[in-house]
C-alpha atoms as a PDB file:
ATOM      1  CA  MET A   1       0.000   0.000   0.000  1.00  0.00           C
ATOM      2  CA  LYS A   2       1.288   3.465  -0.887  1.00  0.00           C
ATOM      3  CA  LYS A   3       2.238   5.748   2.003  1.00  0.00           C
ATOM      4  CA  LEU A   4       2.295   9.478   2.717  1.00  0.00           C
ATOM      5  CA  ILE A   5       4.633  10.935   5.328  1.00  0.00           C
ATOM      6  CA  THR A   6       4.455  14.363   6.897  1.00  0.00           C
ATOM      7  CA  ALA A   7       7.363  15.558   9.002  1.00  0.00           C
ATOM      8  CA  ARG A   8       7.167  18.928  10.739  1.00  0.00           C
ATOM      9  CA  VAL A   9      10.491  20.449  11.784  1.00  0.00           C
ATOM     10  CA  HIS A  10      11.212  23.528  13.896  1.00  0.00           C
ATOM     11  CA  VAL A  11      14.731  24.904  13.379  1.00  0.00           C
ATOM     12  CA  LYS A  12      16.742  26.795  15.980  1.00  0.00           C
ATOM     13  CA  GLN A  13      17.297  30.534  15.597  1.00  0.00           C
ATOM     14  CA  GLY A  14      20.154  31.333  13.236  1.00  0.00           C
ATOM     15  CA  LEU A  15      20.335  27.859  11.679  1.00  0.00           C
ATOM     16  CA  VAL A  16      17.671  28.116   8.966  1.00  0.00           C
ATOM     17  CA  ASP A  17      20.179  28.487   6.109  1.00  0.00           C
ATOM     18  CA  GLU A  18      22.069  25.400   7.264  1.00  0.00           C
ATOM     19  CA  PHE A  19      18.793  23.479   7.479  1.00  0.00           C
ATOM     20  CA  ILE A  20      17.765  24.516   3.969  1.00  0.00           C
ATOM     21  CA  GLN A  21      21.108  23.387   2.549  1.00  0.00           C
ATOM     22  CA  ALA A  22      20.795  19.992   4.290  1.00  0.00           C
ATOM     23  CA  ALA A  23      17.119  19.643   3.302  1.00  0.00           C
ATOM     24  CA  LYS A  24      17.881  20.294  -0.377  1.00  0.00           C
ATOM     25  CA  ALA A  25      20.529  17.564  -0.348  1.00  0.00           C
ATOM     26  CA  LEU A  26      18.113  15.170   1.384  1.00  0.00           C
ATOM     27  CA  VAL A  27      15.330  15.874  -1.115  1.00  0.00           C
ATOM     28  CA  THR A  28      17.623  15.355  -4.114  1.00  0.00           C
ATOM     29  CA  ALA A  29      18.980  12.044  -2.807  1.00  0.00           C
ATOM     30  CA  SER A  30      15.566  10.809  -1.641  1.00  0.00           C
ATOM     31  CA  ARG A  31      13.900  11.515  -4.978  1.00  0.00           C
ATOM     32  CA  ALA A  32      16.471   9.199  -6.585  1.00  0.00           C
ATOM     33  CA  GLU A  33      15.419   6.248  -4.396  1.00  0.00           C
ATOM     34  CA  ALA A  34      13.565   3.449  -6.193  1.00  0.00           C
ATOM     35  CA  GLY A  35      10.434   3.571  -3.990  1.00  0.00           C
ATOM     36  CA  CYS A  36      10.069   7.359  -3.848  1.00  0.00           C
ATOM     37  CA  ILE A  37       7.014   8.757  -5.635  1.00  0.00           C
ATOM     38  CA  ALA A  38       7.352  12.361  -4.416  1.00  0.00           C
ATOM     39  CA  TYR A  39       9.496  14.216  -1.883  1.00  0.00           C
ATOM     40  CA  GLU A  40       9.492  17.915  -1.072  1.00  0.00           C
ATOM     41  CA  TYR A  41       9.869  20.336   1.771  1.00  0.00           C
ATOM     42  CA  LEU A  42       7.844  23.466   2.469  1.00  0.00           C
ATOM     43  CA  HIS A  43       8.793  26.603   4.411  1.00  0.00           C
ATOM     44  CA  SER A  44       6.122  28.349   6.483  1.00  0.00           C
ATOM     45  CA  PRO A  45       5.523  31.971   5.422  1.00  0.00           C
ATOM     46  CA  ASP A  46       4.233  32.757   8.932  1.00  0.00           C
ATOM     47  CA  ASN A  47       7.016  31.124  10.947  1.00  0.00           C
ATOM     48  CA  GLY A  48      10.456  31.283   9.348  1.00  0.00           C
ATOM     49  CA  HIS A  49      11.732  28.452  11.553  1.00  0.00           C
ATOM     50  CA  GLN A  50       9.036  25.931  10.638  1.00  0.00           C
ATOM     51  CA  PHE A  51       9.300  23.439   7.775  1.00  0.00           C
ATOM     52  CA  LEU A  52       7.185  20.542   6.567  1.00  0.00           C
ATOM     53  CA  PHE A  53       8.326  17.570   4.526  1.00  0.00           C
ATOM     54  CA  LEU A  54       5.732  15.842   2.326  1.00  0.00           C
ATOM     55  CA  GLU A  55       6.713  12.430   1.032  1.00  0.00           C
ATOM     56  CA  ARG A  56       4.962   9.737  -0.983  1.00  0.00           C
ATOM     57  CA  TRP A  57       6.353   6.215  -1.047  1.00  0.00           C
ATOM     58  CA  LYS A  58       5.525   3.034  -2.971  1.00  0.00           C
ATOM     59  CA  ASP A  59       5.158   0.978   0.229  1.00  0.00           C
ATOM     60  CA  GLN A  60       6.471   0.452   3.765  1.00  0.00           C
ATOM     61  CA  ALA A  61       9.533  -1.406   2.460  1.00  0.00           C
ATOM     62  CA  ALA A  62      10.532   1.722   0.512  1.00  0.00           C
ATOM     63  CA  ILE A  63      10.188   3.796   3.691  1.00  0.00           C
ATOM     64  CA  ASP A  64      12.269   1.317   5.673  1.00  0.00           C
ATOM     65  CA  SER A  65      14.980   1.482   3.009  1.00  0.00           C
ATOM     66  CA  HIS A  66      14.824   5.296   3.040  1.00  0.00           C
ATOM     67  CA  PHE A  67      15.161   5.474   6.822  1.00  0.00           C
ATOM     68  CA  ALA A  68      18.273   3.247   6.590  1.00  0.00           C
ATOM     69  CA  SER A  69      19.849   5.206   3.717  1.00  0.00           C
ATOM     70  CA  GLU A  70      23.136   7.002   4.216  1.00  0.00           C
ATOM     71  CA  HIS A  71      21.688  10.396   3.239  1.00  0.00           C
ATOM     72  CA  PHE A  72      18.747  10.070   5.651  1.00  0.00           C
ATOM     73  CA  VAL A  73      20.999   9.006   8.543  1.00  0.00           C
ATOM     74  CA  ALA A  74      23.359  11.927   7.819  1.00  0.00           C
ATOM     75  CA  PHE A  75      20.419  14.353   7.680  1.00  0.00           C
ATOM     76  CA  GLY A  76      19.176  12.995  11.012  1.00  0.00           C
ATOM     77  CA  ALA A  77      22.527  13.753  12.622  1.00  0.00           C
ATOM     78  CA  THR A  78      22.426  17.313  11.294  1.00  0.00           C
ATOM     79  CA  LEU A  79      18.819  17.719  12.362  1.00  0.00           C
ATOM     80  CA  GLY A  80      19.637  16.531  15.872  1.00  0.00           C
ATOM     81  CA  ARG A  81      21.951  19.511  16.200  1.00  0.00           C
ATOM     82  CA  ILE A  82      19.857  22.231  14.539  1.00  0.00           C
ATOM     83  CA  ALA A  83      16.247  21.321  15.345  1.00  0.00           C
ATOM     84  CA  ALA A  84      14.554  23.221  18.162  1.00  0.00           C
ATOM     85  CA  SER A  85      12.489  20.129  19.041  1.00  0.00           C
ATOM     86  CA  LYS A  86      11.994  16.541  17.959  1.00  0.00           C
ATOM     87  CA  PRO A  87      10.420  16.342  14.466  1.00  0.00           C
ATOM     88  CA  GLU A  88       6.738  15.421  14.343  1.00  0.00           C
ATOM     89  CA  ILE A  89       6.522  12.518  11.889  1.00  0.00           C
ATOM     90  CA  VAL A  90       3.239  10.905  10.839  1.00  0.00           C
ATOM     91  CA  ILE A  91       2.858   8.073   8.329  1.00  0.00           C
ATOM     92  CA  PHE A  92      -0.465   7.632   6.538  1.00  0.00           C
ATOM     93  CA  ASP A  93      -1.812   4.845   4.328  1.00  0.00           C
ATOM     94  CA  ILE A  94      -3.073   6.142   0.984  1.00  0.00           C
ATOM     95  CA  LYS A  95      -6.451   4.392   0.669  1.00  0.00           C
ATOM     96  CA  ASP A  96      -7.844   6.372  -2.264  1.00  0.00           C
ATOM     97  CA  GLU A  97      -5.205   7.273  -4.835  1.00  0.00           C
ATOM     98  CA  LYS A  98      -7.531   9.878  -6.396  1.00  0.00           C
ATOM     99  CA  ALA A  99      -7.736  11.775  -3.084  1.00  0.00           C
ATOM    100  CA  VAL A 100      -4.012  12.592  -3.050  1.00  0.00           C
END
């Protein structure tokens, strides 16, 4: 079953540019993964320190592979240093392909 992931990230003051650089690298590498359908990040216009990742994956196995990938692990290490709080990650099943 296809999956949708949302991941909300709050970045510490003064580290937004570093986050954006790391996020761009993560998005590029993740989009190249075999099970990735879509991968992007959004920047809140109301809160300059808030970001949201939107990801679509072929199935849970693709997500598991992504979470184990070198680029995701490296991004996690960077995020651990620059995030203001733990990311809020939610994984959804896509039941109706036409709805997404």
